[in-house]
Amino acid sequence: MEIELVSTITCPDCGHTKEEEMPTTACQFFYQCENCSQLLKPKEGDCCVYCSYGTVACPPIQEGTNCC
């Protein structure tokens, strides 16, 4: 299985979307929407903003391992 490194994040406040490349060596706990400046944090139970707001889960979750 090939790991996808690109995910589209959708801001829950304004609906703005942006395609981003996910880091492979660290979790991304915060993400600032470039449209409304809202600081996104992972939802309870999720390890990072990609797992909460992205179209693709972060690389460790895709591999079936724990994130960070």
PDB file of N, CA and C in Angstrom:
ATOM      1  N   MET A   1       0.829  -1.183   0.000  1.00  0.00           N
ATOM      2  CA  MET A   1       0.000   0.000   0.000  1.00  0.00           C
ATOM      3  C   MET A   1       0.876   1.250   0.000  1.00  0.00           C
ATOM      4  N   GLU A   2       0.611   2.132  -0.927  1.00  0.00           N
ATOM      5  CA  GLU A   2       1.379   3.369  -1.010  1.00  0.00           C
ATOM      6  C   GLU A   2       0.749   4.434  -0.112  1.00  0.00           C
ATOM      7  N   ILE A   3       1.594   5.125   0.630  1.00  0.00           N
ATOM      8  CA  ILE A   3       1.134   6.153   1.552  1.00  0.00           C
ATOM      9  C   ILE A   3       0.896   7.449   0.777  1.00  0.00           C
ATOM     10  N   GLU A   4      -0.286   8.033   0.964  1.00  0.00           N
ATOM     11  CA  GLU A   4      -0.595   9.323   0.350  1.00  0.00           C
ATOM     12  C   GLU A   4      -0.050  10.435   1.236  1.00  0.00           C
ATOM     13  N   LEU A   5       0.615  11.401   0.635  1.00  0.00           N
ATOM     14  CA  LEU A   5       1.220  12.491   1.398  1.00  0.00           C
ATOM     15  C   LEU A   5       0.502  13.820   1.210  1.00  0.00           C
ATOM     16  N   VAL A   6      -0.514  13.855   0.376  1.00  0.00           N
ATOM     17  CA  VAL A   6      -1.246  15.097   0.124  1.00  0.00           C
ATOM     18  C   VAL A   6      -2.677  14.927   0.623  1.00  0.00           C
ATOM     19  N   SER A   7      -3.137  15.933   1.374  1.00  0.00           N
ATOM     20  CA  SER A   7      -4.483  15.921   1.926  1.00  0.00           C
ATOM     21  C   SER A   7      -5.073  17.319   1.744  1.00  0.00           C
ATOM     22  N   THR A   8      -6.372  17.392   1.534  1.00  0.00           N
ATOM     23  CA  THR A   8      -7.050  18.685   1.425  1.00  0.00           C
ATOM     24  C   THR A   8      -7.732  18.979   2.750  1.00  0.00           C
ATOM     25  N   ILE A   9      -7.294  20.053   3.396  1.00  0.00           N
ATOM     26  CA  ILE A   9      -7.867  20.464   4.679  1.00  0.00           C
ATOM     27  C   ILE A   9      -9.029  21.412   4.413  1.00  0.00           C
ATOM     28  N   THR A  10     -10.132  21.184   5.117  1.00  0.00           N
ATOM     29  CA  THR A  10     -11.305  22.051   5.018  1.00  0.00           C
ATOM     30  C   THR A  10     -11.521  22.724   6.367  1.00  0.00           C
ATOM     31  N   CYS A  11     -11.545  24.041   6.371  1.00  0.00           N
ATOM     32  CA  CYS A  11     -11.782  24.796   7.599  1.00  0.00           C
ATOM     33  C   CYS A  11     -13.251  24.621   8.007  1.00  0.00           C
ATOM     34  N   PRO A  12     -13.491  24.196   9.251  1.00  0.00           N
ATOM     35  CA  PRO A  12     -14.876  24.003   9.688  1.00  0.00           C
ATOM     36  C   PRO A  12     -15.622  25.320   9.911  1.00  0.00           C
ATOM     37  N   ASP A  13     -14.894  26.422  10.017  1.00  0.00           N
ATOM     38  CA  ASP A  13     -15.541  27.713  10.259  1.00  0.00           C
ATOM     39  C   ASP A  13     -16.001  28.399   8.979  1.00  0.00           C
ATOM     40  N   CYS A  14     -15.111  28.442   7.976  1.00  0.00           N
ATOM     41  CA  CYS A  14     -15.464  29.192   6.762  1.00  0.00           C
ATOM     42  C   CYS A  14     -15.613  28.307   5.526  1.00  0.00           C
ATOM     43  N   GLY A  15     -15.215  27.030   5.620  1.00  0.00           N
ATOM     44  CA  GLY A  15     -15.342  26.121   4.496  1.00  0.00           C
ATOM     45  C   GLY A  15     -14.216  26.198   3.476  1.00  0.00           C
ATOM     46  N   HIS A  16     -13.219  27.047   3.723  1.00  0.00           N
ATOM     47  CA  HIS A  16     -12.086  27.176   2.805  1.00  0.00           C
ATOM     48  C   HIS A  16     -11.318  25.858   2.747  1.00  0.00           C
ATOM     49  N   THR A  17     -10.899  25.462   1.555  1.00  0.00           N
ATOM     50  CA  THR A  17     -10.121  24.240   1.390  1.00  0.00           C
ATOM     51  C   THR A  17      -8.752  24.569   0.813  1.00  0.00           C
ATOM     52  N   LYS A  18      -7.770  23.766   1.206  1.00  0.00           N
ATOM     53  CA  LYS A  18      -6.427  23.925   0.656  1.00  0.00           C
ATOM     54  C   LYS A  18      -5.725  22.577   0.681  1.00  0.00           C
ATOM     55  N   GLU A  19      -5.093  22.260  -0.431  1.00  0.00           N
ATOM     56  CA  GLU A  19      -4.319  21.031  -0.531  1.00  0.00           C
ATOM     57  C   GLU A  19      -2.955  21.263   0.114  1.00  0.00           C
ATOM     58  N   GLU A  20      -2.583  20.370   1.015  1.00  0.00           N
ATOM     59  CA  GLU A  20      -1.319  20.496   1.743  1.00  0.00           C
ATOM     60  C   GLU A  20      -0.566  19.181   1.713  1.00  0.00           C
ATOM     61  N   GLU A  21       0.757  19.266   1.760  1.00  0.00           N
ATOM     62  CA  GLU A  21       1.580  18.070   1.882  1.00  0.00           C
ATOM     63  C   GLU A  21       1.793  17.794   3.365  1.00  0.00           C
ATOM     64  N   MET A  22       1.519  16.565   3.778  1.00  0.00           N
ATOM     65  CA  MET A  22       1.625  16.207   5.185  1.00  0.00           C
ATOM     66  C   MET A  22       3.070  15.892   5.556  1.00  0.00           C
ATOM     67  N   PRO A  23       3.478  16.277   6.762  1.00  0.00           N
ATOM     68  CA  PRO A  23       4.821  15.911   7.217  1.00  0.00           C
ATOM     69  C   PRO A  23       4.879  14.412   7.502  1.00  0.00           C
ATOM     70  N   THR A  24       6.043  13.830   7.293  1.00  0.00           N
ATOM     71  CA  THR A  24       6.199  12.398   7.547  1.00  0.00           C
ATOM     72  C   THR A  24       6.969  12.131   8.836  1.00  0.00           C
ATOM     73  N   THR A  25       7.569  13.168   9.409  1.00  0.00           N
ATOM     74  CA  THR A  25       8.407  12.971  10.592  1.00  0.00           C
ATOM     75  C   THR A  25       7.799  13.542  11.863  1.00  0.00           C
ATOM     76  N   ALA A  26       6.652  14.187  11.770  1.00  0.00           N
ATOM     77  CA  ALA A  26       6.022  14.779  12.955  1.00  0.00           C
ATOM     78  C   ALA A  26       4.535  14.969  12.700  1.00  0.00           C
ATOM     79  N   CYS A  27       3.775  15.000  13.793  1.00  0.00           N
ATOM     80  CA  CYS A  27       2.342  15.290  13.691  1.00  0.00           C
ATOM     81  C   CYS A  27       2.142  16.800  13.580  1.00  0.00           C
ATOM     82  N   GLN A  28       1.086  17.196  12.941  1.00  0.00           N
ATOM     83  CA  GLN A  28       0.768  18.626  12.864  1.00  0.00           C
ATOM     84  C   GLN A  28      -0.460  18.864  13.739  1.00  0.00           C
ATOM     85  N   PHE A  29      -0.205  19.465  14.891  1.00  0.00           N
ATOM     86  CA  PHE A  29      -1.268  19.681  15.871  1.00  0.00           C
ATOM     87  C   PHE A  29      -2.065  20.950  15.601  1.00  0.00           C
ATOM     88  N   PHE A  30      -1.475  21.916  14.910  1.00  0.00           N
ATOM     89  CA  PHE A  30      -2.147  23.182  14.641  1.00  0.00           C
ATOM     90  C   PHE A  30      -2.062  23.509  13.160  1.00  0.00           C
ATOM     91  N   TYR A  31      -3.094  24.181  12.669  1.00  0.00           N
ATOM     92  CA  TYR A  31      -3.125  24.629  11.276  1.00  0.00           C
ATOM     93  C   TYR A  31      -3.946  25.906  11.237  1.00  0.00           C
ATOM     94  N   GLN A  32      -3.375  26.964  10.663  1.00  0.00           N
ATOM     95  CA  GLN A  32      -4.103  28.227  10.567  1.00  0.00           C
ATOM     96  C   GLN A  32      -4.699  28.382   9.177  1.00  0.00           C
ATOM     97  N   CYS A  33      -6.012  28.562   9.131  1.00  0.00           N
ATOM     98  CA  CYS A  33      -6.710  28.764   7.868  1.00  0.00           C
ATOM     99  C   CYS A  33      -6.226  30.068   7.240  1.00  0.00           C
ATOM    100  N   GLU A  34      -5.828  29.998   5.986  1.00  0.00           N
ATOM    101  CA  GLU A  34      -5.330  31.206   5.322  1.00  0.00           C
ATOM    102  C   GLU A  34      -6.457  32.158   4.927  1.00  0.00           C
ATOM    103  N   ASN A  35      -7.705  31.693   4.976  1.00  0.00           N
ATOM    104  CA  ASN A  35      -8.841  32.534   4.607  1.00  0.00           C
ATOM    105  C   ASN A  35      -9.384  33.323   5.798  1.00  0.00           C
ATOM    106  N   CYS A  36      -9.672  32.641   6.914  1.00  0.00           N
ATOM    107  CA  CYS A  36     -10.299  33.317   8.058  1.00  0.00           C
ATOM    108  C   CYS A  36      -9.383  33.411   9.277  1.00  0.00           C
ATOM    109  N   SER A  37      -8.191  32.851   9.191  1.00  0.00           N
ATOM    110  CA  SER A  37      -7.180  32.867  10.262  1.00  0.00           C
ATOM    111  C   SER A  37      -7.541  32.030  11.483  1.00  0.00           C
ATOM    112  N   GLN A  38      -8.577  31.209  11.390  1.00  0.00           N
ATOM    113  CA  GLN A  38      -8.942  30.317  12.495  1.00  0.00           C
ATOM    114  C   GLN A  38      -7.809  29.318  12.721  1.00  0.00           C
ATOM    115  N   LEU A  39      -7.426  29.118  13.987  1.00  0.00           N
ATOM    116  CA  LEU A  39      -6.400  28.143  14.331  1.00  0.00           C
ATOM    117  C   LEU A  39      -7.084  26.807  14.599  1.00  0.00           C
ATOM    118  N   LEU A  40      -6.844  25.845  13.733  1.00  0.00           N
ATOM    119  CA  LEU A  40      -7.459  24.527  13.875  1.00  0.00           C
ATOM    120  C   LEU A  40      -6.607  23.644  14.766  1.00  0.00           C
ATOM    121  N   LYS A  41      -7.280  22.873  15.603  1.00  0.00           N
ATOM    122  CA  LYS A  41      -6.647  21.889  16.477  1.00  0.00           C
ATOM    123  C   LYS A  41      -7.362  20.564  16.239  1.00  0.00           C
ATOM    124  N   PRO A  42      -6.694  19.439  16.500  1.00  0.00           N
ATOM    125  CA  PRO A  42      -7.354  18.140  16.287  1.00  0.00           C
ATOM    126  C   PRO A  42      -8.613  17.997  17.144  1.00  0.00           C
ATOM    127  N   LYS A  43      -9.609  17.314  16.591  1.00  0.00           N
ATOM    128  CA  LYS A  43     -10.813  16.992  17.364  1.00  0.00           C
ATOM    129  C   LYS A  43     -10.441  15.950  18.413  1.00  0.00           C
ATOM    130  N   GLU A  44     -11.235  15.874  19.463  1.00  0.00           N
ATOM    131  CA  GLU A  44     -10.977  14.904  20.511  1.00  0.00           C
ATOM    132  C   GLU A  44     -10.944  13.499  19.917  1.00  0.00           C
ATOM    133  N   GLY A  45      -9.901  12.773  20.239  1.00  0.00           N
ATOM    134  CA  GLY A  45      -9.741  11.410  19.735  1.00  0.00           C
ATOM    135  C   GLY A  45      -8.897  11.313  18.481  1.00  0.00           C
ATOM    136  N   ASP A  46      -8.646  12.448  17.819  1.00  0.00           N
ATOM    137  CA  ASP A  46      -7.789  12.454  16.624  1.00  0.00           C
ATOM    138  C   ASP A  46      -6.382  12.893  17.006  1.00  0.00           C
ATOM    139  N   CYS A  47      -5.408  12.434  16.232  1.00  0.00           N
ATOM    140  CA  CYS A  47      -4.016  12.719  16.575  1.00  0.00           C
ATOM    141  C   CYS A  47      -3.488  14.013  15.960  1.00  0.00           C
ATOM    142  N   CYS A  48      -4.107  14.474  14.867  1.00  0.00           N
ATOM    143  CA  CYS A  48      -3.587  15.662  14.204  1.00  0.00           C
ATOM    144  C   CYS A  48      -4.680  16.334  13.367  1.00  0.00           C
ATOM    145  N   VAL A  49      -4.375  17.494  12.825  1.00  0.00           N
ATOM    146  CA  VAL A  49      -5.372  18.232  12.044  1.00  0.00           C
ATOM    147  C   VAL A  49      -5.736  17.517  10.747  1.00  0.00           C
ATOM    148  N   TYR A  50      -4.832  16.729  10.201  1.00  0.00           N
ATOM    149  CA  TYR A  50      -5.150  15.998   8.968  1.00  0.00           C
ATOM    150  C   TYR A  50      -6.183  14.908   9.225  1.00  0.00           C
ATOM    151  N   CYS A  51      -6.094  14.263  10.384  1.00  0.00           N
ATOM    152  CA  CYS A  51      -7.072  13.230  10.724  1.00  0.00           C
ATOM    153  C   CYS A  51      -8.439  13.848  11.029  1.00  0.00           C
ATOM    154  N   SER A  52      -8.456  15.088  11.501  1.00  0.00           N
ATOM    155  CA  SER A  52      -9.717  15.753  11.841  1.00  0.00           C
ATOM    156  C   SER A  52     -10.353  16.484  10.657  1.00  0.00           C
ATOM    157  N   TYR A  53      -9.553  17.168   9.855  1.00  0.00           N
ATOM    158  CA  TYR A  53     -10.100  18.065   8.830  1.00  0.00           C
ATOM    159  C   TYR A  53      -9.640  17.759   7.409  1.00  0.00           C
ATOM    160  N   GLY A  54      -8.795  16.753   7.249  1.00  0.00           N
ATOM    161  CA  GLY A  54      -8.259  16.444   5.932  1.00  0.00           C
ATOM    162  C   GLY A  54      -9.024  15.343   5.215  1.00  0.00           C
ATOM    163  N   THR A  55      -8.772  15.240   3.931  1.00  0.00           N
ATOM    164  CA  THR A  55      -9.388  14.198   3.118  1.00  0.00           C
ATOM    165  C   THR A  55      -8.641  12.879   3.244  1.00  0.00           C
ATOM    166  N   VAL A  56      -7.405  12.935   3.745  1.00  0.00           N
ATOM    167  CA  VAL A  56      -6.572  11.746   3.904  1.00  0.00           C
ATOM    168  C   VAL A  56      -5.974  11.784   5.309  1.00  0.00           C
ATOM    169  N   ALA A  57      -6.006  10.655   6.009  1.00  0.00           N
ATOM    170  CA  ALA A  57      -5.398  10.571   7.339  1.00  0.00           C
ATOM    171  C   ALA A  57      -3.883  10.708   7.226  1.00  0.00           C
ATOM    172  N   CYS A  58      -3.251  11.056   8.338  1.00  0.00           N
ATOM    173  CA  CYS A  58      -1.797  11.256   8.351  1.00  0.00           C
ATOM    174  C   CYS A  58      -1.066   9.942   8.039  1.00  0.00           C
ATOM    175  N   PRO A  59       0.201  10.036   7.598  1.00  0.00           N
ATOM    176  CA  PRO A  59       0.960   8.839   7.204  1.00  0.00           C
ATOM    177  C   PRO A  59       1.015   7.730   8.262  1.00  0.00           C
ATOM    178  N   PRO A  60       1.280   8.019   9.551  1.00  0.00           N
ATOM    179  CA  PRO A  60       1.301   6.916  10.515  1.00  0.00           C
ATOM    180  C   PRO A  60      -0.030   6.173  10.625  1.00  0.00           C
ATOM    181  N   ILE A  61      -1.138   6.877  10.570  1.00  0.00           N
ATOM    182  CA  ILE A  61      -2.449   6.224  10.643  1.00  0.00           C
ATOM    183  C   ILE A  61      -2.679   5.394   9.383  1.00  0.00           C
ATOM    184  N   GLN A  62      -2.255   5.893   8.232  1.00  0.00           N
ATOM    185  CA  GLN A  62      -2.388   5.118   6.992  1.00  0.00           C
ATOM    186  C   GLN A  62      -1.594   3.812   7.077  1.00  0.00           C
ATOM    187  N   GLU A  63      -0.440   3.873   7.778  1.00  0.00           N
ATOM    188  CA  GLU A  63       0.408   2.683   7.925  1.00  0.00           C
ATOM    189  C   GLU A  63      -0.120   1.729   8.980  1.00  0.00           C
ATOM    190  N   GLY A  64      -1.107   2.172   9.758  1.00  0.00           N
ATOM    191  CA  GLY A  64      -1.657   1.324  10.803  1.00  0.00           C
ATOM    192  C   GLY A  64      -0.896   1.397  12.104  1.00  0.00           C
ATOM    193  N   THR A  65      -0.092   2.447  12.282  1.00  0.00           N
ATOM    194  CA  THR A  65       0.648   2.637  13.529  1.00  0.00           C
ATOM    195  C   THR A  65       0.090   3.841  14.275  1.00  0.00           C
ATOM    196  N   ASN A  66       0.531   3.975  15.501  1.00  0.00           N
ATOM    197  CA  ASN A  66       0.125   5.140  16.284  1.00  0.00           C
ATOM    198  C   ASN A  66       0.809   6.384  15.767  1.00  0.00           C
ATOM    199  N   CYS A  67       0.081   7.474  15.791  1.00  0.00           N
ATOM    200  CA  CYS A  67       0.634   8.754  15.351  1.00  0.00           C
ATOM    201  C   CYS A  67       1.331   9.391  16.542  1.00  0.00           C
ATOM    202  N   CYS A  68       2.575   9.706  16.377  1.00  0.00           N
ATOM    203  CA  CYS A  68       3.381  10.400  17.385  1.00  0.00           C
ATOM    204  C   CYS A  68       3.328   9.714  18.705  1.00  0.00           C
TER     205      CYS A  68
END
